[in-house]
Amino acid sequence: MKRAQLPASTLVTLPVQFGHLMYGTLCIAFDRAHTEELAIPLPVAQLLAQTCSWLLYAIEQSTFLQGQCQQLDYQVHGPLTKREREVLALMCRGYDQEAIAQMLCISPATVGKHRQHIYEQLGVHCERDALLAAYHIGLFSIIEDSLS
C-alpha cells in the first residue's frame, strides 16, 4: 500500500474481532525509513490481527470455563470404562442420546445407562456439570476436540 493513497495522518487500521465480538483495533504506521511502505507488510498485519483475535477469544473462553468449574461441586468416585469415555467424548462434541446410540451401534437406553454411570462416577446430576467436571479433571480438551 502506497502512502500516496492515504492522507498523511492516516494509519492502516485492522479490526481485532472474533465473530461478532470486537476486541479492538490494530493500527499499523508507515515505516519512518521508507515512508511509502507500512512498518510491516499488510498480509502480515492482517495475520497478526486475526491471531490476536483468536488468542483473545481463547483467553476469554478459558476464563469463563475456569469460573464455571470453580462453582461446580463434584467429586470423582471412580474411573470410567472405555465405553463410558466414548459416550462422554460424544457428549462433549454435542451429540444427543439418539445420535450417540447410532454412532456406537447401541440402544438409546444403553446410552442412558452409560450417562447415569458417568454422572455417578463424577458426582454430578446433569450433563452440563458432567461436561464441566470432565473438562476440569482433564478427561477431554476443548482444543483437541475442535481439531478432530
C-alpha atoms as a PDB file:
ATOM      1  CA  MET A   1       0.000   0.000   0.000  1.00  0.00           C
ATOM      2  CA  LYS A   2       1.464   3.334  -1.034  1.00  0.00           C
ATOM      3  CA  ARG A   3       1.238   6.308   1.284  1.00  0.00           C
ATOM      4  CA  ALA A   4       0.034   8.500  -1.579  1.00  0.00           C
ATOM      5  CA  GLN A   5      -3.260   6.592  -1.487  1.00  0.00           C
ATOM      6  CA  LEU A   6      -3.933   7.718   2.102  1.00  0.00           C
ATOM      7  CA  PRO A   7      -3.848  11.111   3.811  1.00  0.00           C
ATOM      8  CA  ALA A   8      -0.559  11.760   5.598  1.00  0.00           C
ATOM      9  CA  SER A   9      -2.117  11.385   9.054  1.00  0.00           C
ATOM     10  CA  THR A  10      -3.863   8.076   8.304  1.00  0.00           C
ATOM     11  CA  LEU A  11      -2.750   4.801   9.766  1.00  0.00           C
ATOM     12  CA  VAL A  12      -3.882   1.464   8.433  1.00  0.00           C
ATOM     13  CA  THR A  13      -6.319   0.007  10.961  1.00  0.00           C
ATOM     14  CA  LEU A  14      -7.484  -3.567  11.143  1.00  0.00           C
ATOM     15  CA  PRO A  15     -10.258  -4.922  13.380  1.00  0.00           C
ATOM     16  CA  VAL A  16      -9.326  -7.326  16.138  1.00  0.00           C
ATOM     17  CA  GLN A  17     -12.538  -9.314  16.394  1.00  0.00           C
ATOM     18  CA  PHE A  18     -13.789 -12.856  16.636  1.00  0.00           C
ATOM     19  CA  GLY A  19     -17.207 -13.328  15.090  1.00  0.00           C
ATOM     20  CA  HIS A  20     -19.375 -10.554  16.473  1.00  0.00           C
ATOM     21  CA  LEU A  21     -17.031  -9.849  19.414  1.00  0.00           C
ATOM     22  CA  MET A  22     -14.977  -6.721  18.803  1.00  0.00           C
ATOM     23  CA  TYR A  23     -11.830  -6.571  20.956  1.00  0.00           C
ATOM     24  CA  GLY A  24     -10.187  -3.507  19.455  1.00  0.00           C
ATOM     25  CA  THR A  25      -8.177  -2.270  16.530  1.00  0.00           C
ATOM     26  CA  LEU A  26      -4.653  -2.953  15.329  1.00  0.00           C
ATOM     27  CA  CYS A  27      -3.063   0.206  13.933  1.00  0.00           C
ATOM     28  CA  ILE A  28      -0.148  -0.043  11.533  1.00  0.00           C
ATOM     29  CA  ALA A  29       2.003   3.028  10.949  1.00  0.00           C
ATOM     30  CA  PHE A  30       4.095   3.797   7.938  1.00  0.00           C
ATOM     31  CA  ASP A  31       7.796   2.965   8.092  1.00  0.00           C
ATOM     32  CA  ARG A  32       9.864   6.048   9.010  1.00  0.00           C
ATOM     33  CA  ALA A  33      12.782   4.965   6.846  1.00  0.00           C
ATOM     34  CA  HIS A  34      10.640   4.022   3.837  1.00  0.00           C
ATOM     35  CA  THR A  35       7.783   6.494   4.078  1.00  0.00           C
ATOM     36  CA  GLU A  36       5.761   4.862   1.312  1.00  0.00           C
ATOM     37  CA  GLU A  37       5.671   1.447   2.988  1.00  0.00           C
ATOM     38  CA  LEU A  38       3.873   0.170   6.033  1.00  0.00           C
ATOM     39  CA  ALA A  39       6.030  -0.715   9.043  1.00  0.00           C
ATOM     40  CA  ILE A  40       5.024  -4.345   8.456  1.00  0.00           C
ATOM     41  CA  PRO A  41       3.565  -5.809   5.256  1.00  0.00           C
ATOM     42  CA  LEU A  42      -0.236  -5.730   5.082  1.00  0.00           C
ATOM     43  CA  PRO A  43      -0.672  -9.548   4.850  1.00  0.00           C
ATOM     44  CA  VAL A  44       1.460  -9.929   7.997  1.00  0.00           C
ATOM     45  CA  ALA A  45      -0.589  -7.233   9.747  1.00  0.00           C
ATOM     46  CA  GLN A  46      -3.824  -8.986   8.768  1.00  0.00           C
ATOM     47  CA  LEU A  47      -2.499 -12.296  10.081  1.00  0.00           C
ATOM     48  CA  LEU A  48      -1.399 -10.590  13.304  1.00  0.00           C
ATOM     49  CA  ALA A  49      -4.869  -9.064  13.805  1.00  0.00           C
ATOM     50  CA  GLN A  50      -6.507 -12.442  13.186  1.00  0.00           C
ATOM     51  CA  THR A  51      -4.106 -14.221  15.557  1.00  0.00           C
ATOM     52  CA  CYS A  52      -4.734 -11.627  18.271  1.00  0.00           C
ATOM     53  CA  SER A  53      -8.476 -12.160  17.786  1.00  0.00           C
ATOM     54  CA  TRP A  54      -8.162 -15.922  18.228  1.00  0.00           C
ATOM     55  CA  LEU A  55      -5.919 -15.571  21.268  1.00  0.00           C
ATOM     56  CA  LEU A  56      -8.206 -13.077  22.990  1.00  0.00           C
ATOM     57  CA  TYR A  57     -11.230 -15.275  22.297  1.00  0.00           C
ATOM     58  CA  ALA A  58      -9.419 -18.358  23.636  1.00  0.00           C
ATOM     59  CA  ILE A  59      -8.404 -16.499  26.798  1.00  0.00           C
ATOM     60  CA  GLU A  60     -11.958 -15.269  27.265  1.00  0.00           C
ATOM     61  CA  GLN A  61     -13.392 -18.787  26.853  1.00  0.00           C
ATOM     62  CA  SER A  62     -10.810 -20.315  29.159  1.00  0.00           C
ATOM     63  CA  THR A  63     -11.531 -17.735  31.844  1.00  0.00           C
ATOM     64  CA  PHE A  64     -15.251 -18.400  31.551  1.00  0.00           C
ATOM     65  CA  LEU A  65     -14.796 -22.176  31.771  1.00  0.00           C
ATOM     66  CA  GLN A  66     -12.474 -21.912  34.770  1.00  0.00           C
ATOM     67  CA  GLY A  67     -15.067 -19.755  36.537  1.00  0.00           C
ATOM     68  CA  GLN A  68     -17.787 -22.303  35.805  1.00  0.00           C
ATOM     69  CA  CYS A  69     -15.578 -25.151  37.020  1.00  0.00           C
ATOM     70  CA  GLN A  70     -14.810 -23.358  40.290  1.00  0.00           C
ATOM     71  CA  GLN A  71     -18.539 -23.081  41.023  1.00  0.00           C
ATOM     72  CA  LEU A  72     -19.032 -26.779  40.325  1.00  0.00           C
ATOM     73  CA  ASP A  73     -19.360 -29.166  43.238  1.00  0.00           C
ATOM     74  CA  TYR A  74     -18.224 -32.606  42.117  1.00  0.00           C
ATOM     75  CA  GLN A  75     -16.149 -35.486  43.394  1.00  0.00           C
ATOM     76  CA  VAL A  76     -14.710 -38.264  41.266  1.00  0.00           C
ATOM     77  CA  HIS A  77     -15.837 -41.612  42.675  1.00  0.00           C
ATOM     78  CA  GLY A  78     -14.063 -43.905  40.270  1.00  0.00           C
ATOM     79  CA  PRO A  79     -12.721 -44.433  36.761  1.00  0.00           C
ATOM     80  CA  LEU A  80     -14.894 -44.548  33.661  1.00  0.00           C
ATOM     81  CA  THR A  81     -14.998 -47.605  31.429  1.00  0.00           C
ATOM     82  CA  LYS A  82     -13.794 -47.406  27.839  1.00  0.00           C
ATOM     83  CA  ARG A  83     -17.402 -47.239  26.585  1.00  0.00           C
ATOM     84  CA  GLU A  84     -18.291 -44.527  29.116  1.00  0.00           C
ATOM     85  CA  ARG A  85     -15.323 -42.474  27.920  1.00  0.00           C
ATOM     86  CA  GLU A  86     -16.578 -42.913  24.333  1.00  0.00           C
ATOM     87  CA  VAL A  87     -20.067 -41.760  25.347  1.00  0.00           C
ATOM     88  CA  LEU A  88     -18.588 -38.828  27.263  1.00  0.00           C
ATOM     89  CA  ALA A  89     -16.427 -37.822  24.292  1.00  0.00           C
ATOM     90  CA  LEU A  90     -19.503 -37.751  22.058  1.00  0.00           C
ATOM     91  CA  MET A  91     -21.436 -35.794  24.680  1.00  0.00           C
ATOM     92  CA  CYS A  92     -18.571 -33.285  24.711  1.00  0.00           C
ATOM     93  CA  ARG A  93     -18.963 -32.903  20.950  1.00  0.00           C
ATOM     94  CA  GLY A  94     -22.615 -32.014  21.416  1.00  0.00           C
ATOM     95  CA  TYR A  95     -24.296 -35.223  20.278  1.00  0.00           C
ATOM     96  CA  ASP A  96     -27.608 -36.148  21.865  1.00  0.00           C
ATOM     97  CA  GLN A  97     -28.541 -39.579  23.211  1.00  0.00           C
ATOM     98  CA  GLU A  98     -30.088 -40.786  19.923  1.00  0.00           C
ATOM     99  CA  ALA A  99     -27.061 -39.746  17.850  1.00  0.00           C
ATOM    100  CA  ILE A 100     -24.643 -41.347  20.332  1.00  0.00           C
ATOM    101  CA  ALA A 101     -26.645 -44.581  20.190  1.00  0.00           C
ATOM    102  CA  GLN A 102     -26.462 -44.628  16.383  1.00  0.00           C
ATOM    103  CA  MET A 103     -22.761 -43.826  16.304  1.00  0.00           C
ATOM    104  CA  LEU A 104     -21.870 -46.538  18.826  1.00  0.00           C
ATOM    105  CA  CYS A 105     -24.418 -49.067  17.491  1.00  0.00           C
ATOM    106  CA  ILE A 106     -26.121 -49.415  20.868  1.00  0.00           C
ATOM    107  CA  SER A 107     -29.638 -48.629  22.062  1.00  0.00           C
ATOM    108  CA  PRO A 108     -30.573 -45.182  23.402  1.00  0.00           C
ATOM    109  CA  ALA A 109     -31.447 -46.886  26.712  1.00  0.00           C
ATOM    110  CA  THR A 110     -27.885 -48.236  26.939  1.00  0.00           C
ATOM    111  CA  VAL A 111     -26.535 -44.737  26.265  1.00  0.00           C
ATOM    112  CA  GLY A 112     -28.801 -43.514  29.070  1.00  0.00           C
ATOM    113  CA  LYS A 113     -27.331 -46.109  31.450  1.00  0.00           C
ATOM    114  CA  HIS A 114     -23.796 -45.067  30.496  1.00  0.00           C
ATOM    115  CA  ARG A 115     -24.698 -41.406  31.072  1.00  0.00           C
ATOM    116  CA  GLN A 116     -26.122 -42.206  34.508  1.00  0.00           C
ATOM    117  CA  HIS A 117     -22.948 -44.088  35.457  1.00  0.00           C
ATOM    118  CA  ILE A 118     -20.817 -41.175  34.175  1.00  0.00           C
ATOM    119  CA  TYR A 119     -22.824 -38.798  36.392  1.00  0.00           C
ATOM    120  CA  GLU A 120     -22.402 -41.111  39.385  1.00  0.00           C
ATOM    121  CA  GLN A 121     -18.660 -41.538  38.843  1.00  0.00           C
ATOM    122  CA  LEU A 122     -18.188 -37.767  38.502  1.00  0.00           C
ATOM    123  CA  GLY A 123     -20.527 -36.977  41.402  1.00  0.00           C
ATOM    124  CA  VAL A 124     -22.822 -34.738  39.330  1.00  0.00           C
ATOM    125  CA  HIS A 125     -26.512 -34.710  38.425  1.00  0.00           C
ATOM    126  CA  CYS A 126     -26.751 -33.284  34.911  1.00  0.00           C
ATOM    127  CA  GLU A 127     -24.984 -33.246  31.552  1.00  0.00           C
ATOM    128  CA  ARG A 128     -23.714 -29.664  31.904  1.00  0.00           C
ATOM    129  CA  ASP A 129     -21.976 -30.478  35.185  1.00  0.00           C
ATOM    130  CA  ALA A 130     -20.621 -33.755  33.789  1.00  0.00           C
ATOM    131  CA  LEU A 131     -19.043 -31.906  30.863  1.00  0.00           C
ATOM    132  CA  LEU A 132     -17.554 -29.227  33.128  1.00  0.00           C
ATOM    133  CA  ALA A 133     -16.197 -31.828  35.559  1.00  0.00           C
ATOM    134  CA  ALA A 134     -14.751 -33.894  32.695  1.00  0.00           C
ATOM    135  CA  TYR A 135     -13.049 -30.797  31.304  1.00  0.00           C
ATOM    136  CA  HIS A 136     -11.773 -29.728  34.725  1.00  0.00           C
ATOM    137  CA  ILE A 137     -10.183 -33.101  35.550  1.00  0.00           C
ATOM    138  CA  GLY A 138      -8.662 -33.415  32.091  1.00  0.00           C
ATOM    139  CA  LEU A 139     -10.825 -36.128  30.523  1.00  0.00           C
ATOM    140  CA  PHE A 140     -11.113 -34.028  27.390  1.00  0.00           C
ATOM    141  CA  SER A 141      -9.659 -30.902  25.849  1.00  0.00           C
ATOM    142  CA  ILE A 142     -11.736 -28.341  24.020  1.00  0.00           C
ATOM    143  CA  ILE A 143      -8.805 -27.652  21.694  1.00  0.00           C
ATOM    144  CA  GLU A 144      -8.166 -31.312  20.871  1.00  0.00           C
ATOM    145  CA  ASP A 145     -11.904 -31.874  20.401  1.00  0.00           C
ATOM    146  CA  SER A 146     -12.218 -28.960  17.960  1.00  0.00           C
ATOM    147  CA  LEU A 147      -9.282 -30.244  15.903  1.00  0.00           C
ATOM    148  CA  SER A 148     -10.691 -33.746  15.442  1.00  0.00           C
END
